[in-house]
Amino acid sequence: MRKVKLEICSGTSCHLMGSFDLNQVVNNLKPQYKEHLEISVIPCLGECGEGPNIRFNGILYTQVTPERLKKMIIQSTQK
């Protein structure tokens, strides 16, 4: 299985809107999910008013909650 690319925005707006919580989700994942991810933290995804933002397999997602991110990761590893 190929790895899923996950980019988490760490810009000021996203940080204030909860990107730290998204990083915590990734840090607390079970190894069986984490091994399928290529994770990077990037400075900005350009949607500062809609954060926190991620790019998941090349698709930009805005207003991402920790629950939504965890669900996305789990679903992507079950394919």
N, C-alpha and C. Protein backbone atom coordinates (compact mmCIF):
# COMPACT_ATOMS: atom_id res chain seq x y z
N MET A 1 0.84 -1.19 0.00
CA MET A 1 0.00 0.00 0.00
C MET A 1 0.89 1.24 0.00
N ARG A 2 0.55 2.20 -0.84
CA ARG A 2 1.32 3.43 -0.88
C ARG A 2 0.94 4.33 0.29
N LYS A 3 1.85 5.23 0.62
CA LYS A 3 1.61 6.12 1.75
C LYS A 3 0.70 7.28 1.33
N VAL A 4 -0.10 7.72 2.27
CA VAL A 4 -0.97 8.87 2.10
C VAL A 4 -0.20 10.09 2.57
N LYS A 5 -0.17 11.13 1.76
CA LYS A 5 0.54 12.35 2.12
C LYS A 5 -0.38 13.26 2.89
N LEU A 6 0.05 13.64 4.09
CA LEU A 6 -0.71 14.53 4.96
C LEU A 6 0.16 15.74 5.28
N GLU A 7 -0.34 16.92 4.92
CA GLU A 7 0.34 18.17 5.25
C GLU A 7 -0.57 18.97 6.18
N ILE A 8 -0.03 19.36 7.32
CA ILE A 8 -0.78 20.13 8.30
C ILE A 8 -0.23 21.55 8.33
N CYS A 9 -1.10 22.51 8.18
CA CYS A 9 -0.69 23.91 8.20
C CYS A 9 -0.34 24.33 9.62
N SER A 10 0.79 25.02 9.75
CA SER A 10 1.22 25.50 11.07
C SER A 10 1.28 27.02 11.12
N GLY A 11 0.67 27.68 10.14
CA GLY A 11 0.65 29.14 10.12
C GLY A 11 -0.07 29.70 11.34
N THR A 12 0.13 30.96 11.59
CA THR A 12 -0.42 31.59 12.79
C THR A 12 -1.93 31.39 12.91
N SER A 13 -2.67 31.65 11.84
CA SER A 13 -4.13 31.50 11.90
C SER A 13 -4.53 30.06 12.19
N CYS A 14 -3.94 29.14 11.48
CA CYS A 14 -4.29 27.72 11.69
C CYS A 14 -3.89 27.27 13.09
N HIS A 15 -2.73 27.75 13.55
CA HIS A 15 -2.31 27.39 14.91
C HIS A 15 -3.34 27.88 15.92
N LEU A 16 -3.78 29.12 15.77
CA LEU A 16 -4.77 29.67 16.70
C LEU A 16 -6.13 28.99 16.58
N MET A 17 -6.41 28.40 15.41
CA MET A 17 -7.70 27.74 15.19
C MET A 17 -7.66 26.24 15.48
N GLY A 18 -6.48 25.72 15.89
CA GLY A 18 -6.47 24.33 16.33
C GLY A 18 -5.55 23.37 15.62
N SER A 19 -4.60 23.84 14.84
CA SER A 19 -3.73 22.87 14.16
C SER A 19 -2.88 22.07 15.14
N PHE A 20 -2.62 22.62 16.32
CA PHE A 20 -1.90 21.86 17.35
C PHE A 20 -2.66 20.59 17.69
N ASP A 21 -3.98 20.69 17.79
CA ASP A 21 -4.82 19.53 18.10
C ASP A 21 -4.74 18.49 16.99
N LEU A 22 -4.59 18.93 15.73
CA LEU A 22 -4.46 18.00 14.62
C LEU A 22 -3.12 17.26 14.71
N ASN A 23 -2.08 17.98 15.10
CA ASN A 23 -0.78 17.33 15.30
C ASN A 23 -0.85 16.29 16.41
N GLN A 24 -1.60 16.58 17.45
CA GLN A 24 -1.77 15.63 18.55
C GLN A 24 -2.45 14.35 18.08
N VAL A 25 -3.44 14.50 17.19
CA VAL A 25 -4.11 13.32 16.63
C VAL A 25 -3.09 12.43 15.94
N VAL A 26 -2.25 13.02 15.12
CA VAL A 26 -1.25 12.26 14.38
C VAL A 26 -0.25 11.62 15.34
N ASN A 27 0.20 12.38 16.33
CA ASN A 27 1.17 11.85 17.30
C ASN A 27 0.61 10.69 18.11
N ASN A 28 -0.70 10.67 18.32
CA ASN A 28 -1.32 9.64 19.14
C ASN A 28 -1.89 8.47 18.34
N LEU A 29 -1.66 8.46 17.04
CA LEU A 29 -2.17 7.36 16.22
C LEU A 29 -1.48 6.06 16.55
N LYS A 30 -2.21 4.98 16.39
CA LYS A 30 -1.60 3.65 16.52
C LYS A 30 -0.64 3.45 15.36
N PRO A 31 0.44 2.71 15.58
CA PRO A 31 1.44 2.48 14.53
C PRO A 31 0.84 1.93 13.24
N GLN A 32 -0.20 1.12 13.33
CA GLN A 32 -0.81 0.54 12.13
C GLN A 32 -1.37 1.60 11.19
N TYR A 33 -1.74 2.76 11.71
CA TYR A 33 -2.22 3.85 10.88
C TYR A 33 -1.08 4.78 10.49
N LYS A 34 -0.20 5.05 11.45
CA LYS A 34 0.89 5.98 11.23
C LYS A 34 1.84 5.52 10.13
N GLU A 35 2.03 4.23 10.02
CA GLU A 35 2.98 3.70 9.02
C GLU A 35 2.51 3.93 7.59
N HIS A 36 1.25 4.26 7.40
CA HIS A 36 0.71 4.52 6.06
C HIS A 36 0.69 6.00 5.70
N LEU A 37 1.28 6.83 6.58
CA LEU A 37 1.26 8.28 6.35
C LEU A 37 2.64 8.84 6.07
N GLU A 38 2.68 9.81 5.18
CA GLU A 38 3.86 10.65 4.98
C GLU A 38 3.43 12.01 5.50
N ILE A 39 3.92 12.39 6.68
CA ILE A 39 3.43 13.56 7.40
C ILE A 39 4.42 14.71 7.30
N SER A 40 3.90 15.89 7.03
CA SER A 40 4.74 17.09 7.08
C SER A 40 3.91 18.26 7.61
N VAL A 41 4.61 19.14 8.30
CA VAL A 41 4.00 20.37 8.81
C VAL A 41 4.54 21.49 7.93
N ILE A 42 3.64 22.27 7.38
CA ILE A 42 4.05 23.32 6.45
C ILE A 42 3.59 24.69 6.96
N PRO A 43 4.24 25.76 6.50
CA PRO A 43 3.95 27.08 7.06
C PRO A 43 2.60 27.69 6.68
N CYS A 44 2.07 27.38 5.50
CA CYS A 44 0.79 27.99 5.12
C CYS A 44 0.19 27.27 3.92
N LEU A 45 -1.13 27.11 3.95
CA LEU A 45 -1.86 26.54 2.82
C LEU A 45 -2.72 27.59 2.12
N GLY A 46 -2.66 28.83 2.57
CA GLY A 46 -3.31 29.93 1.86
C GLY A 46 -4.79 30.12 2.12
N GLU A 47 -5.35 29.43 3.08
CA GLU A 47 -6.77 29.61 3.42
C GLU A 47 -6.88 30.01 4.89
N CYS A 48 -6.17 31.05 5.24
CA CYS A 48 -5.98 31.44 6.64
C CYS A 48 -7.28 31.68 7.43
N GLY A 49 -8.31 32.15 6.79
CA GLY A 49 -9.57 32.41 7.49
C GLY A 49 -10.43 31.18 7.68
N GLU A 50 -10.00 30.05 7.13
CA GLU A 50 -10.82 28.83 7.15
C GLU A 50 -10.18 27.69 7.94
N GLY A 51 -9.20 27.98 8.75
CA GLY A 51 -8.42 26.94 9.42
C GLY A 51 -9.13 26.25 10.55
N PRO A 52 -8.50 25.22 11.07
CA PRO A 52 -7.21 24.71 10.63
C PRO A 52 -7.33 23.94 9.31
N ASN A 53 -6.27 24.02 8.53
CA ASN A 53 -6.26 23.44 7.19
C ASN A 53 -5.25 22.30 7.07
N ILE A 54 -5.59 21.36 6.21
CA ILE A 54 -4.67 20.29 5.86
C ILE A 54 -4.75 20.06 4.35
N ARG A 55 -3.72 19.42 3.82
CA ARG A 55 -3.78 18.91 2.46
C ARG A 55 -3.59 17.41 2.61
N PHE A 56 -4.57 16.65 2.15
CA PHE A 56 -4.59 15.20 2.32
C PHE A 56 -4.62 14.57 0.93
N ASN A 57 -3.53 13.93 0.57
CA ASN A 57 -3.39 13.36 -0.77
C ASN A 57 -3.64 14.40 -1.86
N GLY A 58 -3.12 15.60 -1.63
CA GLY A 58 -3.20 16.65 -2.64
C GLY A 58 -4.48 17.47 -2.63
N ILE A 59 -5.42 17.13 -1.77
CA ILE A 59 -6.69 17.85 -1.70
C ILE A 59 -6.70 18.71 -0.43
N LEU A 60 -7.03 19.99 -0.59
CA LEU A 60 -7.09 20.92 0.53
C LEU A 60 -8.42 20.75 1.28
N TYR A 61 -8.31 20.63 2.59
CA TYR A 61 -9.48 20.57 3.46
C TYR A 61 -9.37 21.69 4.48
N THR A 62 -10.48 22.39 4.69
CA THR A 62 -10.50 23.50 5.64
C THR A 62 -11.38 23.15 6.83
N GLN A 63 -11.22 23.92 7.89
CA GLN A 63 -12.00 23.75 9.12
C GLN A 63 -11.99 22.30 9.60
N VAL A 64 -10.81 21.72 9.61
CA VAL A 64 -10.66 20.31 9.97
C VAL A 64 -10.64 20.17 11.49
N THR A 65 -11.47 19.28 11.99
CA THR A 65 -11.49 18.98 13.41
C THR A 65 -10.62 17.75 13.67
N PRO A 66 -10.19 17.56 14.91
CA PRO A 66 -9.42 16.35 15.21
C PRO A 66 -10.19 15.07 14.87
N GLU A 67 -11.47 15.06 15.14
CA GLU A 67 -12.28 13.88 14.85
C GLU A 67 -12.34 13.60 13.35
N ARG A 68 -12.51 14.66 12.58
CA ARG A 68 -12.57 14.50 11.11
C ARG A 68 -11.24 13.99 10.57
N LEU A 69 -10.13 14.53 11.07
CA LEU A 69 -8.82 14.08 10.61
C LEU A 69 -8.60 12.61 10.93
N LYS A 70 -8.92 12.21 12.13
CA LYS A 70 -8.74 10.81 12.52
C LYS A 70 -9.58 9.89 11.63
N LYS A 71 -10.81 10.30 11.36
CA LYS A 71 -11.68 9.50 10.49
C LYS A 71 -11.11 9.40 9.09
N MET A 72 -10.57 10.50 8.56
CA MET A 72 -9.98 10.50 7.22
C MET A 72 -8.79 9.53 7.16
N ILE A 73 -7.96 9.57 8.19
CA ILE A 73 -6.77 8.71 8.21
C ILE A 73 -7.17 7.25 8.28
N ILE A 74 -8.08 6.92 9.15
CA ILE A 74 -8.52 5.52 9.32
C ILE A 74 -9.15 5.02 8.03
N GLN A 75 -10.02 5.82 7.43
CA GLN A 75 -10.67 5.40 6.17
C GLN A 75 -9.66 5.21 5.07
N SER A 76 -8.64 6.05 5.00
CA SER A 76 -7.66 5.95 3.91
C SER A 76 -6.79 4.69 4.04
N THR A 77 -6.62 4.19 5.24
CA THR A 77 -5.79 3.00 5.43
C THR A 77 -6.58 1.72 5.22
N GLN A 78 -7.88 1.82 5.14
CA GLN A 78 -8.72 0.64 4.94
C GLN A 78 -8.97 0.34 3.49
N LYS A 79 -8.43 1.15 2.57
CA LYS A 79 -8.65 0.96 1.14
C LYS A 79 -7.67 -0.02 0.58
